[in-house]
Amino acid sequence: MEKLELLFLPSPGVGHLISTVELARRFHEKRHFSFTILLIPLQSPALPSKIISYVQSITASYPDIRFIYVPLIDLPFETDLNSNTFLSLLMEKYKSNVKETIKKLQSSSSSSSTHITALILDLFATTMIDVGVELGITTYTSTIHRVRLLLASCSISPRYMRRSHVSTGTTIKSLKCPACCRCCQL
């Protein structure tokens, strides 16, 4: 019987990695998939010891979750940019390395009994949607918010919300978007 594999691509950083691993663990509880988490190094191939020990503990506890390091690139831009610009440029520059890594996984999984079913991207890795489309992999985006953000959004006063919106009397048509049901499935 063919085993299904889900690929996850979190944004660089331990917070995104932990959230992605937790999502993979939740999937693992409900259905038996194989999981591969692609790790993007920032400036050096040496990861911080906390990340290395975390990856080792997850691999030991969950043999169906494996980690693959995407080959390091030279950063052809300044690293002192604001965080949004830096992350956007970083993910764009890593596209070809991510694509090659996934191609290698596809060729190795074709010789085994594993089939790559989906590519699940972190919200900040959405520039990689093109990679999934080019390789014929169903691609989803995932946004995992911290509890602090959820609590902050729940604590917005209804009175403030009524004041901050002005009724114009015109109706706005709803957008037709396939993402409403399937987390941006392409």
N, C-alpha and C. Protein backbone atom coordinates (compact mmCIF):
# COMPACT_ATOMS: atom_id res chain seq x y z
N MET A 1 0.84 -1.18 0.00
CA MET A 1 0.00 0.00 0.00
C MET A 1 0.89 1.26 0.00
N GLU A 2 0.50 2.22 -0.81
CA GLU A 2 1.27 3.44 -0.94
C GLU A 2 1.07 4.34 0.27
N LYS A 3 2.16 4.87 0.80
CA LYS A 3 2.10 5.78 1.95
C LYS A 3 2.08 7.21 1.43
N LEU A 4 1.23 8.04 2.02
CA LEU A 4 1.11 9.43 1.60
C LEU A 4 2.05 10.31 2.42
N GLU A 5 2.69 11.25 1.74
CA GLU A 5 3.63 12.14 2.40
C GLU A 5 3.20 13.58 2.22
N LEU A 6 3.26 14.35 3.31
CA LEU A 6 2.98 15.78 3.27
C LEU A 6 4.29 16.52 3.48
N LEU A 7 4.54 17.51 2.63
CA LEU A 7 5.72 18.37 2.78
C LEU A 7 5.29 19.66 3.45
N PHE A 8 6.05 20.09 4.43
CA PHE A 8 5.80 21.36 5.11
C PHE A 8 6.99 22.27 4.87
N LEU A 9 6.70 23.54 4.64
CA LEU A 9 7.76 24.53 4.47
C LEU A 9 7.47 25.72 5.39
N PRO A 10 8.07 25.72 6.59
CA PRO A 10 7.88 26.87 7.48
C PRO A 10 8.83 28.00 7.11
N SER A 11 8.50 29.19 7.54
CA SER A 11 9.44 30.31 7.40
C SER A 11 10.60 30.06 8.35
N PRO A 12 11.76 30.65 8.06
CA PRO A 12 12.89 30.47 8.97
C PRO A 12 12.55 31.02 10.36
N GLY A 13 13.03 30.36 11.36
CA GLY A 13 12.81 30.80 12.74
C GLY A 13 12.20 29.69 13.57
N VAL A 14 12.60 29.65 14.82
CA VAL A 14 12.17 28.56 15.69
C VAL A 14 10.67 28.60 15.97
N GLY A 15 10.07 29.78 16.05
CA GLY A 15 8.64 29.88 16.31
C GLY A 15 7.81 29.25 15.21
N HIS A 16 8.20 29.50 13.97
CA HIS A 16 7.48 28.91 12.84
C HIS A 16 7.73 27.41 12.76
N LEU A 17 8.92 26.98 13.11
CA LEU A 17 9.25 25.56 13.10
C LEU A 17 8.41 24.80 14.12
N ILE A 18 8.33 25.32 15.34
CA ILE A 18 7.55 24.65 16.39
C ILE A 18 6.08 24.57 16.00
N SER A 19 5.54 25.65 15.46
CA SER A 19 4.14 25.65 15.03
C SER A 19 3.90 24.64 13.91
N THR A 20 4.83 24.55 12.98
CA THR A 20 4.70 23.60 11.87
C THR A 20 4.78 22.17 12.36
N VAL A 21 5.70 21.90 13.27
CA VAL A 21 5.81 20.55 13.83
C VAL A 21 4.54 20.18 14.58
N GLU A 22 3.99 21.12 15.31
CA GLU A 22 2.74 20.85 16.04
C GLU A 22 1.61 20.54 15.07
N LEU A 23 1.54 21.26 13.96
CA LEU A 23 0.53 20.97 12.94
C LEU A 23 0.73 19.57 12.37
N ALA A 24 1.97 19.19 12.09
CA ALA A 24 2.26 17.84 11.59
C ALA A 24 1.88 16.79 12.62
N ARG A 25 2.16 17.05 13.88
CA ARG A 25 1.78 16.10 14.94
C ARG A 25 0.27 15.94 15.02
N ARG A 26 -0.47 17.03 14.85
CA ARG A 26 -1.94 16.95 14.87
C ARG A 26 -2.45 16.11 13.71
N PHE A 27 -1.88 16.32 12.53
CA PHE A 27 -2.23 15.48 11.38
C PHE A 27 -1.93 14.02 11.68
N HIS A 28 -0.79 13.78 12.30
CA HIS A 28 -0.35 12.41 12.60
C HIS A 28 -1.33 11.71 13.54
N GLU A 29 -1.92 12.46 14.48
CA GLU A 29 -2.89 11.88 15.41
C GLU A 29 -4.15 11.42 14.68
N LYS A 30 -4.55 12.14 13.66
CA LYS A 30 -5.81 11.84 12.97
C LYS A 30 -5.65 10.84 11.83
N ARG A 31 -4.57 10.98 11.08
CA ARG A 31 -4.33 10.12 9.92
C ARG A 31 -2.87 9.74 9.87
N HIS A 32 -2.63 8.61 9.31
CA HIS A 32 -1.24 8.14 9.27
C HIS A 32 -0.58 8.57 7.96
N PHE A 33 0.11 9.69 8.03
CA PHE A 33 0.87 10.21 6.90
C PHE A 33 2.35 10.16 7.27
N SER A 34 3.17 10.34 6.28
CA SER A 34 4.59 10.58 6.48
C SER A 34 4.79 12.08 6.29
N PHE A 35 5.66 12.68 7.08
CA PHE A 35 5.83 14.13 7.04
C PHE A 35 7.29 14.49 6.80
N THR A 36 7.50 15.44 5.92
CA THR A 36 8.84 15.99 5.71
C THR A 36 8.75 17.49 5.89
N ILE A 37 9.59 18.01 6.77
CA ILE A 37 9.63 19.44 7.02
C ILE A 37 10.93 19.97 6.43
N LEU A 38 10.79 20.89 5.48
CA LEU A 38 11.95 21.49 4.82
C LEU A 38 12.43 22.68 5.64
N LEU A 39 13.69 22.68 6.02
CA LEU A 39 14.24 23.76 6.83
C LEU A 39 15.11 24.67 5.98
N ILE A 40 14.83 25.96 6.05
CA ILE A 40 15.59 26.96 5.31
C ILE A 40 16.56 27.64 6.26
N PRO A 41 17.88 27.45 6.05
CA PRO A 41 18.85 28.12 6.91
C PRO A 41 18.94 29.60 6.55
N LEU A 42 19.26 30.42 7.53
CA LEU A 42 19.36 31.85 7.25
C LEU A 42 20.71 32.22 6.66
N GLN A 43 21.77 32.27 7.47
CA GLN A 43 23.05 32.73 6.93
C GLN A 43 24.15 31.70 7.00
N SER A 44 24.00 30.71 7.81
CA SER A 44 25.05 29.69 7.89
C SER A 44 24.39 28.32 7.96
N PRO A 45 25.08 27.31 7.50
CA PRO A 45 24.50 25.98 7.56
C PRO A 45 24.39 25.46 8.99
N ALA A 46 25.11 26.08 9.92
CA ALA A 46 25.04 25.66 11.32
C ALA A 46 23.81 26.28 11.97
N LEU A 47 22.89 25.45 12.39
CA LEU A 47 21.69 25.93 13.05
C LEU A 47 21.95 26.12 14.54
N PRO A 48 21.20 26.99 15.20
CA PRO A 48 21.35 27.14 16.65
C PRO A 48 21.10 25.80 17.36
N SER A 49 21.79 25.62 18.47
CA SER A 49 21.72 24.34 19.19
C SER A 49 20.30 24.02 19.65
N LYS A 50 19.50 25.04 19.97
CA LYS A 50 18.12 24.79 20.40
C LYS A 50 17.32 24.13 19.28
N ILE A 51 17.51 24.61 18.05
CA ILE A 51 16.79 24.03 16.92
C ILE A 51 17.27 22.61 16.66
N ILE A 52 18.57 22.40 16.73
CA ILE A 52 19.12 21.06 16.50
C ILE A 52 18.59 20.07 17.53
N SER A 53 18.59 20.45 18.81
CA SER A 53 18.10 19.53 19.84
C SER A 53 16.59 19.31 19.69
N TYR A 54 15.86 20.35 19.29
CA TYR A 54 14.42 20.20 19.08
C TYR A 54 14.14 19.22 17.93
N VAL A 55 14.85 19.39 16.83
CA VAL A 55 14.69 18.51 15.67
C VAL A 55 15.02 17.07 16.05
N GLN A 56 16.10 16.87 16.80
CA GLN A 56 16.49 15.52 17.22
C GLN A 56 15.44 14.89 18.13
N SER A 57 14.87 15.67 19.03
CA SER A 57 13.85 15.10 19.94
C SER A 57 12.58 14.73 19.18
N ILE A 58 12.19 15.54 18.22
CA ILE A 58 10.99 15.23 17.42
C ILE A 58 11.24 13.99 16.57
N THR A 59 12.40 13.92 15.94
CA THR A 59 12.73 12.77 15.10
C THR A 59 12.74 11.48 15.91
N ALA A 60 13.25 11.55 17.14
CA ALA A 60 13.28 10.37 18.01
C ALA A 60 11.88 9.96 18.45
N SER A 61 11.02 10.93 18.70
CA SER A 61 9.66 10.64 19.19
C SER A 61 8.69 10.28 18.07
N TYR A 62 8.89 10.85 16.91
CA TYR A 62 7.98 10.66 15.78
C TYR A 62 8.77 10.23 14.55
N PRO A 63 8.93 8.93 14.33
CA PRO A 63 9.72 8.48 13.18
C PRO A 63 9.11 8.83 11.83
N ASP A 64 7.82 9.17 11.79
CA ASP A 64 7.18 9.56 10.53
C ASP A 64 7.40 11.03 10.19
N ILE A 65 8.07 11.76 11.07
CA ILE A 65 8.39 13.17 10.80
C ILE A 65 9.90 13.27 10.58
N ARG A 66 10.28 13.73 9.39
CA ARG A 66 11.70 13.91 9.11
C ARG A 66 11.96 15.35 8.67
N PHE A 67 13.18 15.74 8.82
CA PHE A 67 13.59 17.11 8.50
C PHE A 67 14.66 17.06 7.41
N ILE A 68 14.52 17.93 6.43
CA ILE A 68 15.51 18.03 5.36
C ILE A 68 15.92 19.49 5.26
N TYR A 69 17.22 19.70 5.22
CA TYR A 69 17.76 21.04 5.13
C TYR A 69 17.90 21.43 3.66
N VAL A 70 17.30 22.55 3.30
CA VAL A 70 17.42 23.09 1.94
C VAL A 70 18.84 23.65 1.83
N PRO A 71 19.54 23.39 0.71
CA PRO A 71 20.91 23.91 0.57
C PRO A 71 20.98 25.42 0.76
N LEU A 72 22.02 25.84 1.43
CA LEU A 72 22.25 27.24 1.76
C LEU A 72 22.53 28.06 0.50
N ILE A 73 22.05 29.30 0.50
CA ILE A 73 22.35 30.23 -0.59
C ILE A 73 23.19 31.38 -0.04
N ASP A 74 23.88 32.07 -0.94
CA ASP A 74 24.54 33.32 -0.56
C ASP A 74 23.48 34.40 -0.61
N LEU A 75 23.48 35.25 0.40
CA LEU A 75 22.49 36.32 0.42
C LEU A 75 23.01 37.49 -0.41
N PRO A 76 22.42 37.72 -1.58
CA PRO A 76 22.90 38.79 -2.46
C PRO A 76 22.31 40.15 -2.13
N PHE A 77 21.75 40.28 -0.93
CA PHE A 77 21.15 41.54 -0.55
C PHE A 77 21.52 41.82 0.90
N GLU A 78 21.28 43.04 1.32
CA GLU A 78 21.65 43.45 2.67
C GLU A 78 20.74 42.78 3.69
N THR A 79 21.32 42.36 4.79
CA THR A 79 20.53 41.70 5.84
C THR A 79 19.96 42.68 6.85
N ASP A 80 20.28 43.97 6.71
CA ASP A 80 19.74 44.94 7.66
C ASP A 80 18.45 45.60 7.15
N LEU A 81 17.77 44.96 6.23
CA LEU A 81 16.48 45.44 5.73
C LEU A 81 15.42 45.22 6.80
N ASN A 82 14.25 45.85 6.64
CA ASN A 82 13.20 45.55 7.60
C ASN A 82 12.79 44.09 7.44
N SER A 83 12.21 43.52 8.48
CA SER A 83 11.99 42.07 8.52
C SER A 83 11.09 41.57 7.39
N ASN A 84 10.06 42.32 7.03
CA ASN A 84 9.16 41.87 5.96
C ASN A 84 9.87 41.83 4.61
N THR A 85 10.64 42.87 4.31
CA THR A 85 11.37 42.91 3.04
C THR A 85 12.42 41.81 3.01
N PHE A 86 13.15 41.65 4.11
CA PHE A 86 14.18 40.62 4.17
C PHE A 86 13.59 39.24 3.95
N LEU A 87 12.50 38.92 4.66
CA LEU A 87 11.89 37.60 4.55
C LEU A 87 11.36 37.35 3.14
N SER A 88 10.76 38.37 2.55
CA SER A 88 10.24 38.24 1.19
C SER A 88 11.36 37.96 0.19
N LEU A 89 12.45 38.72 0.28
CA LEU A 89 13.59 38.50 -0.62
C LEU A 89 14.25 37.15 -0.36
N LEU A 90 14.35 36.77 0.90
CA LEU A 90 14.97 35.50 1.25
C LEU A 90 14.20 34.33 0.64
N MET A 91 12.88 34.33 0.80
CA MET A 91 12.07 33.24 0.26
C MET A 91 12.13 33.21 -1.26
N GLU A 92 12.16 34.36 -1.88
CA GLU A 92 12.26 34.42 -3.34
C GLU A 92 13.59 33.83 -3.82
N LYS A 93 14.66 34.13 -3.12
CA LYS A 93 15.99 33.62 -3.51
C LYS A 93 16.11 32.12 -3.27
N TYR A 94 15.36 31.58 -2.32
CA TYR A 94 15.44 30.15 -2.02
C TYR A 94 14.56 29.29 -2.94
N LYS A 95 13.78 29.91 -3.80
CA LYS A 95 12.86 29.15 -4.65
C LYS A 95 13.53 28.02 -5.42
N SER A 96 14.63 28.31 -6.08
CA SER A 96 15.26 27.27 -6.90
C SER A 96 15.81 26.14 -6.04
N ASN A 97 16.38 26.45 -4.88
CA ASN A 97 16.89 25.40 -4.00
C ASN A 97 15.76 24.55 -3.42
N VAL A 98 14.65 25.18 -3.08
CA VAL A 98 13.50 24.43 -2.58
C VAL A 98 12.96 23.52 -3.68
N LYS A 99 12.88 24.06 -4.90
CA LYS A 99 12.39 23.27 -6.03
C LYS A 99 13.27 22.05 -6.26
N GLU A 100 14.58 22.23 -6.26
CA GLU A 100 15.50 21.11 -6.46
C GLU A 100 15.40 20.08 -5.33
N THR A 101 15.24 20.56 -4.11
CA THR A 101 15.09 19.65 -2.97
C THR A 101 13.84 18.81 -3.11
N ILE A 102 12.74 19.44 -3.52
CA ILE A 102 11.48 18.70 -3.69
C ILE A 102 11.59 17.72 -4.86
N LYS A 103 12.26 18.13 -5.94
CA LYS A 103 12.46 17.21 -7.07
C LYS A 103 13.20 15.95 -6.63
N LYS A 104 14.24 16.12 -5.82
CA LYS A 104 14.99 14.97 -5.30
C LYS A 104 14.08 14.08 -4.45
N LEU A 105 13.24 14.71 -3.64
CA LEU A 105 12.29 13.94 -2.82
C LEU A 105 11.31 13.17 -3.70
N GLN A 106 10.82 13.83 -4.76
CA GLN A 106 9.89 13.16 -5.67
C GLN A 106 10.55 11.96 -6.34
N SER A 107 11.79 12.11 -6.78
CA SER A 107 12.44 10.99 -7.45
C SER A 107 12.73 9.86 -6.48
N SER A 108 13.09 10.18 -5.25
CA SER A 108 13.34 9.11 -4.27
C SER A 108 12.04 8.47 -3.81
N SER A 109 10.96 9.25 -3.76
CA SER A 109 9.68 8.66 -3.33
C SER A 109 9.05 7.83 -4.44
N SER A 110 9.40 8.11 -5.71
CA SER A 110 8.85 7.30 -6.80
C SER A 110 9.44 5.90 -6.78
N SER A 111 10.67 5.76 -6.26
CA SER A 111 11.27 4.43 -6.17
C SER A 111 10.83 3.69 -4.91
N SER A 112 10.28 4.41 -3.94
CA SER A 112 9.76 3.75 -2.74
C SER A 112 8.24 3.71 -2.83
N SER A 113 7.60 3.35 -1.76
CA SER A 113 6.14 3.27 -1.78
C SER A 113 5.50 4.53 -1.20
N THR A 114 6.19 5.66 -1.30
CA THR A 114 5.68 6.93 -0.77
C THR A 114 5.27 7.84 -1.91
N HIS A 115 4.18 8.59 -1.70
CA HIS A 115 3.71 9.54 -2.71
C HIS A 115 3.54 10.91 -2.05
N ILE A 116 4.21 11.93 -2.60
CA ILE A 116 4.06 13.29 -2.06
C ILE A 116 2.69 13.80 -2.45
N THR A 117 1.87 14.03 -1.44
CA THR A 117 0.47 14.39 -1.64
C THR A 117 0.25 15.90 -1.68
N ALA A 118 0.94 16.63 -0.79
CA ALA A 118 0.68 18.07 -0.68
C ALA A 118 1.91 18.80 -0.16
N LEU A 119 1.96 20.07 -0.50
CA LEU A 119 2.97 20.99 0.02
C LEU A 119 2.21 22.01 0.85
N ILE A 120 2.53 22.08 2.14
CA ILE A 120 1.85 23.00 3.04
C ILE A 120 2.84 24.09 3.43
N LEU A 121 2.51 25.32 3.05
CA LEU A 121 3.41 26.45 3.23
C LEU A 121 2.99 27.30 4.41
N ASP A 122 3.96 27.81 5.10
CA ASP A 122 3.75 28.82 6.12
C ASP A 122 3.24 30.08 5.43
N LEU A 123 2.50 30.89 6.13
CA LEU A 123 1.95 32.11 5.54
C LEU A 123 3.03 33.00 4.93
N PHE A 124 4.22 33.01 5.53
CA PHE A 124 5.30 33.86 5.03
C PHE A 124 6.11 33.19 3.93
N ALA A 125 5.73 31.99 3.53
CA ALA A 125 6.43 31.28 2.46
C ALA A 125 5.57 31.14 1.22
N THR A 126 4.57 32.00 1.09
CA THR A 126 3.63 31.86 -0.03
C THR A 126 4.26 32.10 -1.39
N THR A 127 5.44 32.70 -1.45
CA THR A 127 6.11 32.85 -2.75
C THR A 127 6.47 31.49 -3.33
N MET A 128 6.45 30.45 -2.50
CA MET A 128 6.78 29.09 -2.95
C MET A 128 5.58 28.38 -3.59
N ILE A 129 4.43 29.03 -3.66
CA ILE A 129 3.26 28.42 -4.31
C ILE A 129 3.62 28.04 -5.74
N ASP A 130 4.37 28.91 -6.42
CA ASP A 130 4.78 28.63 -7.80
C ASP A 130 5.56 27.32 -7.90
N VAL A 131 6.38 27.02 -6.91
CA VAL A 131 7.16 25.78 -6.92
C VAL A 131 6.23 24.58 -6.89
N GLY A 132 5.24 24.61 -6.01
CA GLY A 132 4.28 23.51 -5.95
C GLY A 132 3.52 23.33 -7.25
N VAL A 133 3.10 24.44 -7.84
CA VAL A 133 2.36 24.38 -9.11
C VAL A 133 3.24 23.80 -10.21
N GLU A 134 4.49 24.26 -10.31
CA GLU A 134 5.41 23.76 -11.34
C GLU A 134 5.68 22.27 -11.20
N LEU A 135 5.71 21.79 -9.96
CA LEU A 135 6.02 20.38 -9.73
C LEU A 135 4.77 19.50 -9.66
N GLY A 136 3.60 20.12 -9.86
CA GLY A 136 2.36 19.35 -9.86
C GLY A 136 1.93 18.85 -8.50
N ILE A 137 2.29 19.58 -7.46
CA ILE A 137 1.93 19.19 -6.09
C ILE A 137 0.83 20.13 -5.61
N THR A 138 -0.22 19.56 -5.07
CA THR A 138 -1.29 20.38 -4.49
C THR A 138 -0.69 21.20 -3.36
N THR A 139 -0.93 22.51 -3.39
CA THR A 139 -0.29 23.41 -2.44
C THR A 139 -1.32 24.11 -1.58
N TYR A 140 -1.03 24.16 -0.28
CA TYR A 140 -1.90 24.83 0.69
C TYR A 140 -1.06 25.84 1.45
N THR A 141 -1.71 26.86 1.98
CA THR A 141 -1.04 27.76 2.91
C THR A 141 -1.63 27.54 4.29
N SER A 142 -0.81 27.76 5.27
CA SER A 142 -1.22 27.56 6.64
C SER A 142 -0.83 28.78 7.45
N THR A 143 -1.73 29.25 8.25
CA THR A 143 -1.39 30.35 9.14
C THR A 143 -1.68 29.90 10.56
N ILE A 144 -0.67 29.91 11.36
CA ILE A 144 -0.81 29.47 12.74
C ILE A 144 -0.50 30.68 13.61
N HIS A 145 -1.53 31.19 14.26
CA HIS A 145 -1.35 32.37 15.09
C HIS A 145 -1.10 31.96 16.53
N ARG A 146 -0.39 32.77 17.19
CA ARG A 146 -0.17 32.54 18.61
C ARG A 146 -1.40 32.95 19.38
N VAL A 147 -1.53 32.42 20.56
CA VAL A 147 -2.68 32.71 21.40
C VAL A 147 -2.76 34.20 21.70
N ARG A 148 -1.62 34.84 21.85
CA ARG A 148 -1.61 36.27 22.17
C ARG A 148 -2.34 37.08 21.09
N LEU A 149 -2.10 36.75 19.82
CA LEU A 149 -2.77 37.45 18.73
C LEU A 149 -4.27 37.18 18.77
N LEU A 150 -4.63 35.93 19.02
CA LEU A 150 -6.05 35.58 19.10
C LEU A 150 -6.73 36.34 20.23
N LEU A 151 -6.10 36.38 21.40
CA LEU A 151 -6.68 37.09 22.53
C LEU A 151 -6.77 38.58 22.26
N ALA A 152 -5.77 39.13 21.60
CA ALA A 152 -5.80 40.56 21.28
C ALA A 152 -6.95 40.87 20.32
N SER A 153 -7.16 40.01 19.33
CA SER A 153 -8.23 40.27 18.38
C SER A 153 -9.60 40.05 19.01
N CYS A 154 -9.68 39.16 20.00
CA CYS A 154 -10.96 38.94 20.68
C CYS A 154 -11.29 40.06 21.65
N SER A 155 -10.27 40.79 22.08
CA SER A 155 -10.50 41.83 23.08
C SER A 155 -10.82 43.19 22.46
N ILE A 156 -10.90 43.27 21.14
CA ILE A 156 -11.26 44.53 20.50
C ILE A 156 -12.70 44.87 20.89
N SER A 157 -12.86 46.02 21.41
CA SER A 157 -14.16 46.43 21.93
C SER A 157 -15.19 46.55 20.80
N PRO A 158 -16.38 45.94 20.98
CA PRO A 158 -17.44 46.10 19.97
C PRO A 158 -17.80 47.57 19.74
N ARG A 159 -17.70 48.38 20.82
CA ARG A 159 -18.01 49.79 20.68
C ARG A 159 -17.01 50.47 19.75
N TYR A 160 -15.73 50.09 19.85
CA TYR A 160 -14.70 50.63 18.96
C TYR A 160 -14.97 50.19 17.53
N MET A 161 -15.36 48.94 17.36
CA MET A 161 -15.61 48.43 16.02
C MET A 161 -16.77 49.18 15.36
N ARG A 162 -17.79 49.51 16.13
CA ARG A 162 -18.91 50.27 15.56
C ARG A 162 -18.47 51.67 15.17
N ARG A 163 -17.59 52.28 15.96
CA ARG A 163 -17.13 53.63 15.66
C ARG A 163 -16.18 53.68 14.47
N SER A 164 -15.41 52.62 14.28
CA SER A 164 -14.36 52.69 13.27
C SER A 164 -14.87 52.39 11.86
N HIS A 165 -16.09 51.96 11.72
CA HIS A 165 -16.62 51.66 10.40
C HIS A 165 -17.75 52.63 10.07
N VAL A 166 -17.74 53.11 8.86
CA VAL A 166 -18.76 54.05 8.42
C VAL A 166 -19.62 53.37 7.38
N SER A 167 -20.91 53.44 7.55
CA SER A 167 -21.82 52.84 6.58
C SER A 167 -21.99 53.79 5.40
N THR A 168 -21.79 53.27 4.20
CA THR A 168 -21.92 54.10 3.00
C THR A 168 -23.25 53.88 2.30
N GLY A 169 -23.95 52.82 2.70
CA GLY A 169 -25.22 52.54 2.07
C GLY A 169 -25.11 51.74 0.78
N THR A 170 -23.90 51.48 0.32
CA THR A 170 -23.72 50.68 -0.89
C THR A 170 -23.36 49.25 -0.52
N THR A 171 -23.75 48.35 -1.38
CA THR A 171 -23.47 46.94 -1.16
C THR A 171 -22.19 46.56 -1.88
N ILE A 172 -21.37 45.79 -1.21
CA ILE A 172 -20.13 45.31 -1.82
C ILE A 172 -20.31 43.84 -2.14
N LYS A 173 -20.00 43.47 -3.38
CA LYS A 173 -20.13 42.08 -3.78
C LYS A 173 -19.08 41.23 -3.08
N SER A 174 -19.47 40.02 -2.72
CA SER A 174 -18.52 39.10 -2.10
C SER A 174 -17.55 38.60 -3.16
N LEU A 175 -16.33 38.41 -2.74
CA LEU A 175 -15.32 37.87 -3.65
C LEU A 175 -15.49 36.36 -3.76
N LYS A 176 -15.34 35.85 -4.94
CA LYS A 176 -15.37 34.41 -5.15
C LYS A 176 -13.93 33.93 -5.04
N CYS A 177 -13.66 33.15 -4.03
CA CYS A 177 -12.29 32.72 -3.77
C CYS A 177 -12.28 31.27 -3.32
N PRO A 178 -11.52 30.40 -3.98
CA PRO A 178 -11.49 29.01 -3.58
C PRO A 178 -10.84 28.80 -2.22
N ALA A 179 -10.16 29.83 -1.72
CA ALA A 179 -9.47 29.68 -0.44
C ALA A 179 -10.44 29.60 0.73
N CYS A 180 -11.69 29.97 0.53
CA CYS A 180 -12.63 29.96 1.63
C CYS A 180 -12.80 28.58 2.24
N CYS A 181 -12.62 27.54 1.45
CA CYS A 181 -12.85 26.19 1.94
C CYS A 181 -11.57 25.42 2.19
N ARG A 182 -10.53 25.71 1.47
CA ARG A 182 -9.40 24.80 1.46
C ARG A 182 -8.05 25.46 1.69
N CYS A 183 -7.95 26.51 2.45
CA CYS A 183 -6.65 27.13 2.76
C CYS A 183 -5.83 27.40 1.50
N CYS A 184 -6.42 28.03 0.54
CA CYS A 184 -5.73 28.45 -0.68
C CYS A 184 -5.22 27.28 -1.51
N GLN A 185 -6.07 26.32 -1.72
CA GLN A 185 -5.68 25.18 -2.56
C GLN A 185 -5.59 25.64 -4.01
N LEU A 186 -4.56 25.21 -4.68
CA LEU A 186 -4.40 25.52 -6.11
C LEU A 186 -4.56 24.29 -6.92
